[in-house]
N, C-alpha and C. Protein backbone atom coordinates (compact mmCIF):
# COMPACT_ATOMS: atom_id res chain seq x y z
N MET A 1 131.72 117.74 90.49
CA MET A 1 131.43 118.59 91.63
C MET A 1 130.60 117.81 92.65
N ILE A 2 130.87 118.08 93.91
CA ILE A 2 130.16 117.42 95.01
C ILE A 2 129.35 118.48 95.75
N ASN A 3 128.07 118.21 95.98
CA ASN A 3 127.24 119.10 96.77
C ASN A 3 127.72 119.04 98.22
N SER A 4 127.70 120.17 98.91
CA SER A 4 128.20 120.21 100.29
C SER A 4 127.42 119.28 101.22
N THR A 5 126.17 118.98 100.90
CA THR A 5 125.39 118.07 101.75
C THR A 5 125.81 116.61 101.57
N ASP A 6 126.64 116.33 100.56
CA ASP A 6 127.13 114.97 100.32
C ASP A 6 128.52 114.74 100.91
N LEU A 7 129.04 115.68 101.70
CA LEU A 7 130.37 115.55 102.28
C LEU A 7 130.33 114.68 103.54
N ARG A 8 130.10 113.41 103.37
CA ARG A 8 130.03 112.47 104.49
C ARG A 8 131.43 112.05 104.92
N ASN A 9 131.52 111.36 106.06
CA ASN A 9 132.81 110.89 106.58
C ASN A 9 133.54 110.05 105.54
N GLY A 10 134.82 110.35 105.33
CA GLY A 10 135.63 109.59 104.38
C GLY A 10 135.63 110.15 102.97
N THR A 11 134.80 111.15 102.69
CA THR A 11 134.74 111.74 101.35
C THR A 11 135.95 112.65 101.14
N THR A 12 136.57 112.56 99.97
CA THR A 12 137.69 113.43 99.64
C THR A 12 137.22 114.50 98.67
N PHE A 13 137.72 115.73 98.84
CA PHE A 13 137.36 116.84 97.96
C PHE A 13 138.51 117.82 97.89
N LEU A 14 138.42 118.74 96.92
CA LEU A 14 139.45 119.73 96.68
C LEU A 14 138.92 121.09 97.11
N SER A 15 139.70 121.81 97.91
CA SER A 15 139.32 123.16 98.34
C SER A 15 140.59 124.00 98.37
N ASP A 16 140.56 125.14 97.72
CA ASP A 16 141.73 126.04 97.64
C ASP A 16 142.95 125.32 97.08
N GLY A 17 142.74 124.39 96.15
CA GLY A 17 143.84 123.66 95.52
C GLY A 17 144.45 122.57 96.38
N GLN A 18 143.88 122.29 97.53
CA GLN A 18 144.41 121.29 98.45
C GLN A 18 143.40 120.15 98.61
N PRO A 19 143.85 118.90 98.67
CA PRO A 19 142.93 117.78 98.90
C PRO A 19 142.62 117.62 100.39
N PHE A 20 141.35 117.38 100.71
CA PHE A 20 140.90 117.19 102.09
C PHE A 20 140.09 115.91 102.18
N ILE A 21 140.05 115.32 103.38
CA ILE A 21 139.19 114.19 103.66
C ILE A 21 138.32 114.56 104.85
N VAL A 22 137.04 114.23 104.77
CA VAL A 22 136.08 114.58 105.82
C VAL A 22 136.22 113.59 106.98
N LEU A 23 136.42 114.14 108.18
CA LEU A 23 136.51 113.33 109.40
C LEU A 23 135.18 113.30 110.14
N LYS A 24 134.46 114.44 110.13
CA LYS A 24 133.18 114.53 110.83
C LYS A 24 132.26 115.47 110.07
N TYR A 25 131.00 115.06 109.91
CA TYR A 25 130.01 115.81 109.16
C TYR A 25 128.87 116.22 110.08
N THR A 26 128.44 117.50 110.02
CA THR A 26 127.31 117.98 110.80
C THR A 26 126.44 118.86 109.91
N PHE A 27 125.13 118.59 109.92
CA PHE A 27 124.17 119.38 109.15
C PHE A 27 123.36 120.21 110.14
N VAL A 28 123.37 121.54 109.96
CA VAL A 28 122.70 122.44 110.89
C VAL A 28 121.63 123.24 110.14
N LYS A 29 120.39 123.15 110.59
CA LYS A 29 119.27 123.91 110.01
C LYS A 29 118.62 124.69 111.13
N MET A 30 118.68 126.01 111.03
CA MET A 30 118.14 126.87 112.07
C MET A 30 117.00 127.72 111.50
N GLY A 31 115.79 127.54 111.98
CA GLY A 31 114.65 128.39 111.63
C GLY A 31 114.43 128.54 110.14
N ARG A 32 114.23 129.79 109.72
CA ARG A 32 113.94 130.07 108.31
C ARG A 32 115.18 130.24 107.44
N GLY A 33 116.33 130.39 108.04
CA GLY A 33 117.54 130.62 107.27
C GLY A 33 117.96 129.38 106.49
N SER A 34 119.01 129.55 105.71
CA SER A 34 119.49 128.41 104.93
C SER A 34 120.27 127.45 105.84
N ALA A 35 120.33 126.22 105.43
CA ALA A 35 121.04 125.20 106.20
C ALA A 35 122.55 125.36 106.02
N THR A 36 123.28 124.92 107.02
CA THR A 36 124.74 124.99 106.99
C THR A 36 125.32 123.60 107.18
N VAL A 37 126.35 123.31 106.43
CA VAL A 37 127.08 122.06 106.57
C VAL A 37 128.42 122.38 107.21
N LYS A 38 128.67 121.77 108.37
CA LYS A 38 129.95 121.97 109.06
C LYS A 38 130.69 120.65 109.03
N VAL A 39 131.95 120.70 108.59
CA VAL A 39 132.76 119.49 108.50
C VAL A 39 134.10 119.72 109.18
N LYS A 40 134.59 118.68 109.84
CA LYS A 40 135.96 118.66 110.35
C LYS A 40 136.75 117.89 109.31
N VAL A 41 137.78 118.52 108.76
CA VAL A 41 138.52 117.92 107.65
C VAL A 41 140.02 117.85 107.95
N LYS A 42 140.66 116.91 107.28
CA LYS A 42 142.11 116.76 107.38
C LYS A 42 142.72 117.07 106.03
N ASN A 43 143.69 117.97 106.01
CA ASN A 43 144.42 118.28 104.79
C ASN A 43 145.32 117.09 104.49
N LEU A 44 145.16 116.48 103.33
CA LEU A 44 145.89 115.25 103.01
C LEU A 44 147.35 115.49 102.64
N ILE A 45 147.74 116.74 102.44
CA ILE A 45 149.14 117.03 102.13
C ILE A 45 149.90 117.41 103.39
N THR A 46 149.32 118.30 104.21
CA THR A 46 150.02 118.77 105.41
C THR A 46 149.66 117.98 106.66
N GLY A 47 148.49 117.32 106.66
CA GLY A 47 148.04 116.58 107.83
C GLY A 47 147.30 117.44 108.83
N ALA A 48 147.14 118.75 108.54
CA ALA A 48 146.46 119.66 109.47
C ALA A 48 144.96 119.38 109.49
N ILE A 49 144.37 119.46 110.69
CA ILE A 49 142.93 119.25 110.86
C ILE A 49 142.28 120.59 111.13
N THR A 50 141.25 120.92 110.33
CA THR A 50 140.55 122.20 110.47
C THR A 50 139.05 121.98 110.34
N ASP A 51 138.30 123.03 110.66
CA ASP A 51 136.85 123.03 110.49
C ASP A 51 136.50 123.91 109.31
N LYS A 52 135.54 123.46 108.50
CA LYS A 52 135.07 124.24 107.36
C LYS A 52 133.55 124.27 107.40
N SER A 53 132.96 125.37 106.92
CA SER A 53 131.51 125.52 106.86
C SER A 53 131.10 125.87 105.44
N PHE A 54 129.98 125.29 105.00
CA PHE A 54 129.43 125.55 103.68
C PHE A 54 127.93 125.74 103.82
N THR A 55 127.35 126.55 102.93
CA THR A 55 125.89 126.60 102.89
C THR A 55 125.43 125.36 102.14
N SER A 56 124.18 125.00 102.32
CA SER A 56 123.69 123.73 101.76
C SER A 56 123.69 123.70 100.24
N ASN A 57 123.73 124.87 99.58
CA ASN A 57 123.72 124.88 98.12
C ASN A 57 125.11 125.03 97.51
N ASN A 58 126.17 125.06 98.33
CA ASN A 58 127.55 125.14 97.82
C ASN A 58 127.98 123.81 97.23
N THR A 59 128.95 123.87 96.33
CA THR A 59 129.56 122.66 95.80
C THR A 59 131.07 122.78 95.95
N VAL A 60 131.73 121.65 96.05
CA VAL A 60 133.19 121.60 96.11
C VAL A 60 133.66 120.68 94.99
N GLU A 61 134.91 120.86 94.62
CA GLU A 61 135.45 120.07 93.52
C GLU A 61 135.82 118.66 93.99
N ASP A 62 135.44 117.69 93.20
CA ASP A 62 135.74 116.29 93.49
C ASP A 62 137.22 116.04 93.22
N VAL A 63 137.86 115.27 94.08
CA VAL A 63 139.26 114.91 93.87
C VAL A 63 139.30 113.40 93.63
N ARG A 64 139.94 113.01 92.58
CA ARG A 64 140.04 111.58 92.24
C ARG A 64 141.25 110.98 92.93
N THR A 65 140.97 110.13 93.88
CA THR A 65 142.04 109.45 94.60
C THR A 65 141.96 107.96 94.31
N THR A 66 143.07 107.30 94.47
CA THR A 66 143.11 105.84 94.29
C THR A 66 143.77 105.23 95.52
N LYS A 67 143.42 103.99 95.80
CA LYS A 67 144.03 103.25 96.90
C LYS A 67 144.81 102.08 96.33
N ARG A 68 146.00 101.88 96.90
CA ARG A 68 146.81 100.73 96.52
C ARG A 68 147.27 100.03 97.79
N ARG A 69 147.28 98.71 97.75
CA ARG A 69 147.73 97.90 98.89
C ARG A 69 149.24 97.80 98.80
N LEU A 70 149.93 98.38 99.80
CA LEU A 70 151.39 98.38 99.82
C LEU A 70 151.90 97.75 101.11
N GLN A 71 153.13 97.28 101.05
CA GLN A 71 153.78 96.69 102.22
C GLN A 71 154.68 97.74 102.86
N TYR A 72 154.55 97.90 104.18
CA TYR A 72 155.40 98.85 104.91
C TYR A 72 156.77 98.22 105.09
N LEU A 73 157.82 98.96 104.71
CA LEU A 73 159.18 98.45 104.83
C LEU A 73 159.87 98.96 106.09
N TYR A 74 160.09 100.28 106.18
CA TYR A 74 160.79 100.86 107.33
C TYR A 74 160.63 102.37 107.27
N CYS A 75 161.15 103.05 108.30
CA CYS A 75 161.16 104.51 108.26
C CYS A 75 162.48 105.02 108.82
N ASP A 76 162.87 106.20 108.37
CA ASP A 76 164.02 106.87 108.95
C ASP A 76 163.50 108.09 109.71
N SER A 77 164.31 109.07 109.96
CA SER A 77 163.90 110.20 110.79
C SER A 77 162.84 111.09 110.14
N GLU A 78 162.71 111.05 108.80
CA GLU A 78 161.77 111.95 108.13
C GLU A 78 160.79 111.25 107.20
N THR A 79 161.07 110.03 106.76
CA THR A 79 160.29 109.39 105.71
C THR A 79 159.96 107.94 106.04
N ALA A 80 158.74 107.53 105.65
CA ALA A 80 158.34 106.12 105.74
C ALA A 80 158.38 105.54 104.33
N TYR A 81 158.83 104.30 104.21
CA TYR A 81 158.99 103.66 102.90
C TYR A 81 158.05 102.47 102.78
N PHE A 82 157.36 102.40 101.64
CA PHE A 82 156.42 101.33 101.33
C PHE A 82 156.83 100.71 100.01
N MET A 83 156.38 99.46 99.77
CA MET A 83 156.69 98.77 98.53
C MET A 83 155.44 98.12 97.97
N ASP A 84 155.28 98.23 96.66
CA ASP A 84 154.18 97.56 95.97
C ASP A 84 154.62 96.11 95.75
N PRO A 85 153.93 95.12 96.34
CA PRO A 85 154.38 93.73 96.22
C PRO A 85 154.25 93.15 94.81
N ARG A 86 153.51 93.81 93.93
CA ARG A 86 153.35 93.29 92.56
C ARG A 86 154.52 93.65 91.66
N ASN A 87 154.98 94.92 91.75
CA ASN A 87 156.06 95.33 90.85
C ASN A 87 157.31 95.82 91.59
N TYR A 88 157.32 95.71 92.93
CA TYR A 88 158.45 96.07 93.79
C TYR A 88 158.83 97.55 93.71
N GLU A 89 157.91 98.38 93.28
CA GLU A 89 158.13 99.82 93.24
C GLU A 89 158.06 100.37 94.66
N GLN A 90 159.00 101.25 95.02
CA GLN A 90 159.01 101.83 96.36
C GLN A 90 158.32 103.19 96.35
N VAL A 91 157.58 103.46 97.42
CA VAL A 91 156.85 104.71 97.59
C VAL A 91 157.29 105.33 98.90
N GLU A 92 157.55 106.64 98.89
CA GLU A 92 157.96 107.35 100.09
C GLU A 92 156.83 108.24 100.58
N MET A 93 156.70 108.36 101.92
CA MET A 93 155.71 109.25 102.51
C MET A 93 156.34 109.96 103.70
N PRO A 94 156.27 111.30 103.74
CA PRO A 94 156.85 112.03 104.87
C PRO A 94 156.16 111.66 106.19
N LEU A 95 156.93 111.53 107.26
CA LEU A 95 156.36 111.17 108.56
C LEU A 95 155.44 112.26 109.10
N ARG A 96 155.65 113.52 108.71
CA ARG A 96 154.77 114.60 109.17
C ARG A 96 153.36 114.42 108.64
N VAL A 97 153.22 113.80 107.47
CA VAL A 97 151.90 113.53 106.91
C VAL A 97 151.25 112.35 107.63
N LEU A 98 152.04 111.34 107.96
CA LEU A 98 151.51 110.17 108.68
C LEU A 98 151.08 110.54 110.09
N GLY A 99 151.81 111.42 110.73
CA GLY A 99 151.48 111.84 112.09
C GLY A 99 151.53 110.69 113.07
N ASP A 100 150.47 110.56 113.89
CA ASP A 100 150.41 109.52 114.92
C ASP A 100 150.26 108.11 114.34
N GLN A 101 149.84 108.01 113.08
CA GLN A 101 149.64 106.70 112.46
C GLN A 101 150.95 105.94 112.32
N ALA A 102 152.06 106.63 112.23
CA ALA A 102 153.36 105.99 112.02
C ALA A 102 153.69 105.01 113.15
N ALA A 103 153.21 105.29 114.36
CA ALA A 103 153.51 104.41 115.51
C ALA A 103 152.85 103.04 115.37
N PHE A 104 151.81 102.92 114.56
CA PHE A 104 151.08 101.66 114.44
C PHE A 104 151.48 100.84 113.22
N LEU A 105 152.47 101.31 112.46
CA LEU A 105 152.95 100.55 111.31
C LEU A 105 153.97 99.52 111.77
N LYS A 106 153.79 98.28 111.31
CA LYS A 106 154.73 97.20 111.63
C LYS A 106 155.45 96.80 110.35
N GLU A 107 156.73 96.57 110.45
CA GLU A 107 157.51 96.16 109.28
C GLU A 107 156.93 94.89 108.69
N GLY A 108 156.71 94.91 107.38
CA GLY A 108 156.17 93.75 106.69
C GLY A 108 154.65 93.73 106.60
N SER A 109 153.97 94.60 107.33
CA SER A 109 152.50 94.61 107.28
C SER A 109 152.02 95.32 106.01
N GLU A 110 150.85 94.92 105.54
CA GLU A 110 150.27 95.53 104.35
C GLU A 110 149.18 96.50 104.76
N VAL A 111 149.19 97.69 104.13
CA VAL A 111 148.20 98.73 104.42
C VAL A 111 147.72 99.33 103.11
N ASP A 112 146.53 99.95 103.14
CA ASP A 112 146.02 100.67 101.98
C ASP A 112 146.55 102.09 102.02
N VAL A 113 147.18 102.53 100.92
CA VAL A 113 147.73 103.88 100.83
C VAL A 113 146.91 104.66 99.82
N LEU A 114 146.50 105.87 100.20
CA LEU A 114 145.69 106.74 99.36
C LEU A 114 146.62 107.60 98.51
N PHE A 115 146.37 107.61 97.19
CA PHE A 115 147.20 108.38 96.25
C PHE A 115 146.37 109.44 95.55
N TRP A 116 147.01 110.57 95.25
CA TRP A 116 146.42 111.63 94.43
C TRP A 116 147.52 112.13 93.52
N ASP A 117 147.30 112.06 92.21
CA ASP A 117 148.32 112.44 91.21
C ASP A 117 149.65 111.74 91.46
N GLU A 118 149.60 110.45 91.72
CA GLU A 118 150.78 109.61 91.95
C GLU A 118 151.57 109.98 93.20
N GLY A 119 151.01 110.83 94.05
CA GLY A 119 151.66 111.16 95.32
C GLY A 119 150.91 110.50 96.47
N ALA A 120 151.63 109.86 97.38
CA ALA A 120 151.01 109.19 98.53
C ALA A 120 150.54 110.25 99.52
N LEU A 121 149.27 110.13 99.93
CA LEU A 121 148.68 111.12 100.82
C LEU A 121 148.47 110.63 102.24
N SER A 122 147.92 109.44 102.40
CA SER A 122 147.63 108.93 103.74
C SER A 122 147.56 107.42 103.73
N VAL A 123 147.48 106.87 104.94
CA VAL A 123 147.44 105.42 105.13
C VAL A 123 146.14 105.06 105.83
N ASP A 124 145.47 104.01 105.35
CA ASP A 124 144.30 103.48 106.03
C ASP A 124 144.75 102.30 106.89
N LEU A 125 144.78 102.52 108.19
CA LEU A 125 145.19 101.46 109.11
C LEU A 125 143.99 100.59 109.46
N PRO A 126 144.24 99.34 109.79
CA PRO A 126 143.14 98.51 110.31
C PRO A 126 142.71 99.06 111.67
N PRO A 127 141.50 98.73 112.13
CA PRO A 127 141.03 99.27 113.41
C PRO A 127 141.89 98.86 114.62
N SER A 128 142.55 97.70 114.52
CA SER A 128 143.41 97.27 115.62
C SER A 128 144.64 96.55 115.08
N VAL A 129 145.72 96.61 115.87
CA VAL A 129 146.99 95.98 115.50
C VAL A 129 147.50 95.21 116.71
N VAL A 130 148.19 94.11 116.47
CA VAL A 130 148.74 93.29 117.55
C VAL A 130 150.23 93.60 117.71
N PHE A 131 150.63 93.88 118.96
CA PHE A 131 152.03 94.14 119.28
C PHE A 131 152.44 93.28 120.47
N THR A 132 153.76 93.06 120.60
CA THR A 132 154.31 92.32 121.73
C THR A 132 154.76 93.30 122.81
N VAL A 133 154.46 92.99 124.05
CA VAL A 133 154.87 93.83 125.18
C VAL A 133 156.34 93.55 125.46
N THR A 134 157.18 94.59 125.42
CA THR A 134 158.61 94.42 125.68
C THR A 134 158.98 94.78 127.11
N GLU A 135 158.21 95.68 127.74
CA GLU A 135 158.47 96.05 129.13
C GLU A 135 157.15 96.20 129.86
N ALA A 136 157.05 95.56 131.02
CA ALA A 136 155.87 95.71 131.87
C ALA A 136 156.23 95.30 133.28
N ASP A 137 155.86 96.12 134.23
CA ASP A 137 156.08 95.78 135.63
C ASP A 137 155.18 94.61 135.99
N PRO A 138 155.62 93.75 136.91
CA PRO A 138 154.75 92.64 137.31
C PRO A 138 153.54 93.17 138.08
N GLY A 139 152.39 92.52 137.90
CA GLY A 139 151.18 92.89 138.63
C GLY A 139 151.26 92.37 140.05
N VAL A 140 150.78 93.15 140.99
CA VAL A 140 150.81 92.76 142.40
C VAL A 140 149.53 92.02 142.74
N LYS A 141 149.66 90.84 143.32
CA LYS A 141 148.49 90.04 143.67
C LYS A 141 147.66 90.78 144.71
N GLY A 142 146.36 90.76 144.52
CA GLY A 142 145.47 91.45 145.45
C GLY A 142 145.04 92.81 144.96
N ASN A 143 145.66 93.31 143.89
CA ASN A 143 145.29 94.61 143.35
C ASN A 143 144.24 94.49 142.25
N SER A 144 143.55 93.37 142.18
CA SER A 144 142.63 93.16 141.07
C SER A 144 141.16 93.31 141.46
N ALA A 145 140.88 93.99 142.56
CA ALA A 145 139.49 94.16 142.99
C ALA A 145 138.73 95.06 142.03
N SER A 146 139.41 96.01 141.44
CA SER A 146 138.79 96.88 140.44
C SER A 146 139.70 96.92 139.21
N ASN A 147 139.27 97.60 138.21
CA ASN A 147 140.07 97.67 136.97
C ASN A 147 141.31 98.51 137.22
N MET A 148 142.41 97.84 137.42
CA MET A 148 143.69 98.50 137.66
C MET A 148 144.55 98.36 136.40
N TYR A 149 145.27 99.41 136.07
CA TYR A 149 146.12 99.40 134.89
C TYR A 149 147.54 99.76 135.27
N LYS A 150 148.48 99.30 134.44
CA LYS A 150 149.88 99.64 134.63
C LYS A 150 150.45 100.06 133.29
N GLN A 151 151.59 100.72 133.34
CA GLN A 151 152.27 101.20 132.13
C GLN A 151 153.01 100.03 131.48
N ALA A 152 152.94 99.94 130.15
CA ALA A 152 153.68 98.92 129.40
C ALA A 152 154.27 99.56 128.15
N VAL A 153 155.40 99.03 127.71
CA VAL A 153 156.04 99.50 126.48
C VAL A 153 155.93 98.39 125.44
N LEU A 154 155.48 98.76 124.24
CA LEU A 154 155.31 97.78 123.17
C LEU A 154 156.55 97.73 122.29
N GLU A 155 156.58 96.75 121.39
CA GLU A 155 157.74 96.56 120.52
C GLU A 155 158.03 97.76 119.63
N ASN A 156 157.03 98.60 119.36
CA ASN A 156 157.23 99.78 118.52
C ASN A 156 157.61 101.01 119.34
N GLY A 157 157.76 100.85 120.66
CA GLY A 157 158.15 101.95 121.53
C GLY A 157 156.97 102.71 122.12
N LEU A 158 155.76 102.35 121.72
CA LEU A 158 154.55 103.01 122.21
C LEU A 158 154.29 102.61 123.66
N LYS A 159 153.95 103.59 124.49
CA LYS A 159 153.63 103.33 125.89
C LYS A 159 152.12 103.39 126.06
N ILE A 160 151.54 102.32 126.60
CA ILE A 160 150.09 102.27 126.82
C ILE A 160 149.79 101.72 128.20
N LYS A 161 148.55 101.88 128.62
CA LYS A 161 148.08 101.32 129.88
C LYS A 161 147.47 99.95 129.59
N VAL A 162 147.89 98.94 130.35
CA VAL A 162 147.37 97.57 130.19
C VAL A 162 146.92 97.06 131.56
N PRO A 163 146.03 96.06 131.58
CA PRO A 163 145.62 95.47 132.87
C PRO A 163 146.81 94.81 133.57
N LEU A 164 146.67 94.61 134.87
CA LEU A 164 147.76 94.06 135.67
C LEU A 164 148.21 92.66 135.26
N PHE A 165 147.30 91.87 134.65
CA PHE A 165 147.65 90.49 134.30
C PHE A 165 148.52 90.38 133.03
N ILE A 166 148.73 91.45 132.33
CA ILE A 166 149.57 91.42 131.12
C ILE A 166 151.03 91.47 131.54
N ASN A 167 151.82 90.52 131.01
CA ASN A 167 153.24 90.44 131.35
C ASN A 167 154.12 90.65 130.13
N ARG A 168 155.39 90.82 130.36
CA ARG A 168 156.37 90.99 129.29
C ARG A 168 156.36 89.77 128.38
N GLY A 169 156.43 89.99 127.06
CA GLY A 169 156.45 88.90 126.09
C GLY A 169 155.07 88.54 125.58
N GLU A 170 154.00 89.02 126.20
CA GLU A 170 152.65 88.72 125.73
C GLU A 170 152.28 89.65 124.58
N ARG A 171 151.33 89.19 123.79
CA ARG A 171 150.85 89.97 122.65
C ARG A 171 149.51 90.60 123.01
N VAL A 172 149.38 91.89 122.69
CA VAL A 172 148.15 92.62 122.99
C VAL A 172 147.62 93.30 121.72
N ARG A 173 146.32 93.46 121.67
CA ARG A 173 145.65 94.14 120.56
C ARG A 173 145.44 95.59 120.99
N VAL A 174 145.84 96.54 120.10
CA VAL A 174 145.76 97.97 120.39
C VAL A 174 144.87 98.64 119.35
N ASP A 175 143.99 99.53 119.81
CA ASP A 175 143.11 100.30 118.93
C ASP A 175 143.94 101.38 118.23
N THR A 176 143.97 101.39 116.90
CA THR A 176 144.78 102.35 116.16
C THR A 176 144.18 103.75 116.15
N ARG A 177 142.90 103.88 116.45
CA ARG A 177 142.27 105.21 116.47
C ARG A 177 142.53 105.93 117.78
N THR A 178 142.59 105.19 118.90
CA THR A 178 142.77 105.83 120.20
C THR A 178 144.11 105.51 120.85
N GLY A 179 144.78 104.46 120.41
CA GLY A 179 146.04 104.05 121.00
C GLY A 179 145.87 103.34 122.33
N GLU A 180 144.68 102.80 122.59
CA GLU A 180 144.40 102.15 123.86
C GLU A 180 144.38 100.63 123.72
N TYR A 181 144.64 99.96 124.84
CA TYR A 181 144.59 98.50 124.93
C TYR A 181 143.17 98.02 124.68
N ILE A 182 143.02 96.94 123.88
CA ILE A 182 141.71 96.35 123.64
C ILE A 182 141.61 95.02 124.37
N GLU A 183 142.55 94.09 124.05
CA GLU A 183 142.49 92.76 124.64
C GLU A 183 143.83 92.06 124.48
N ARG A 184 143.96 90.94 125.16
CA ARG A 184 145.12 90.07 125.00
C ARG A 184 144.93 89.32 123.68
N ALA A 185 145.98 89.25 122.88
CA ALA A 185 145.90 88.56 121.59
C ALA A 185 146.41 87.14 121.75
N SER A 186 145.80 86.21 121.01
CA SER A 186 146.24 84.81 121.10
C SER A 186 147.27 84.50 120.05
């Protein structure tokens, strides 16, 4: 059992028979009343994000999860496929569970996959990923007095805003949490 005051970011727990992971933790203590723990959580099966509140003396059931390093192979219209490089076992994960994370998976890249009862729940992406720009309008000389951005399309089909000096064929680093341009990659 986990005390509700120990539900920090990244902690997994079981509530109503469903596994959750804590995205944001807030501890609220008002006057003489009891303290309240408010958490923003993600359901690891459905991918839904909700808010939950607990009193400071509540406990939740601990969920035992494991992480395995798997190689991303490909995806079809409904499922993403991963492979364990040690025993070549394939693992499937529905795209609805991956959500926006699916756009940042590159074929052949290795990621940590979270498992519960031998079922894949989520993917831990690195903070940034490098992609090649496939489409970008040329920057106009003289438009660089302030931070100007233009639309670019990456090799995975993702559309992001990049500075004017980024051209087609260049590699850029993208933040996987926000989907924004970070820097030009070497």
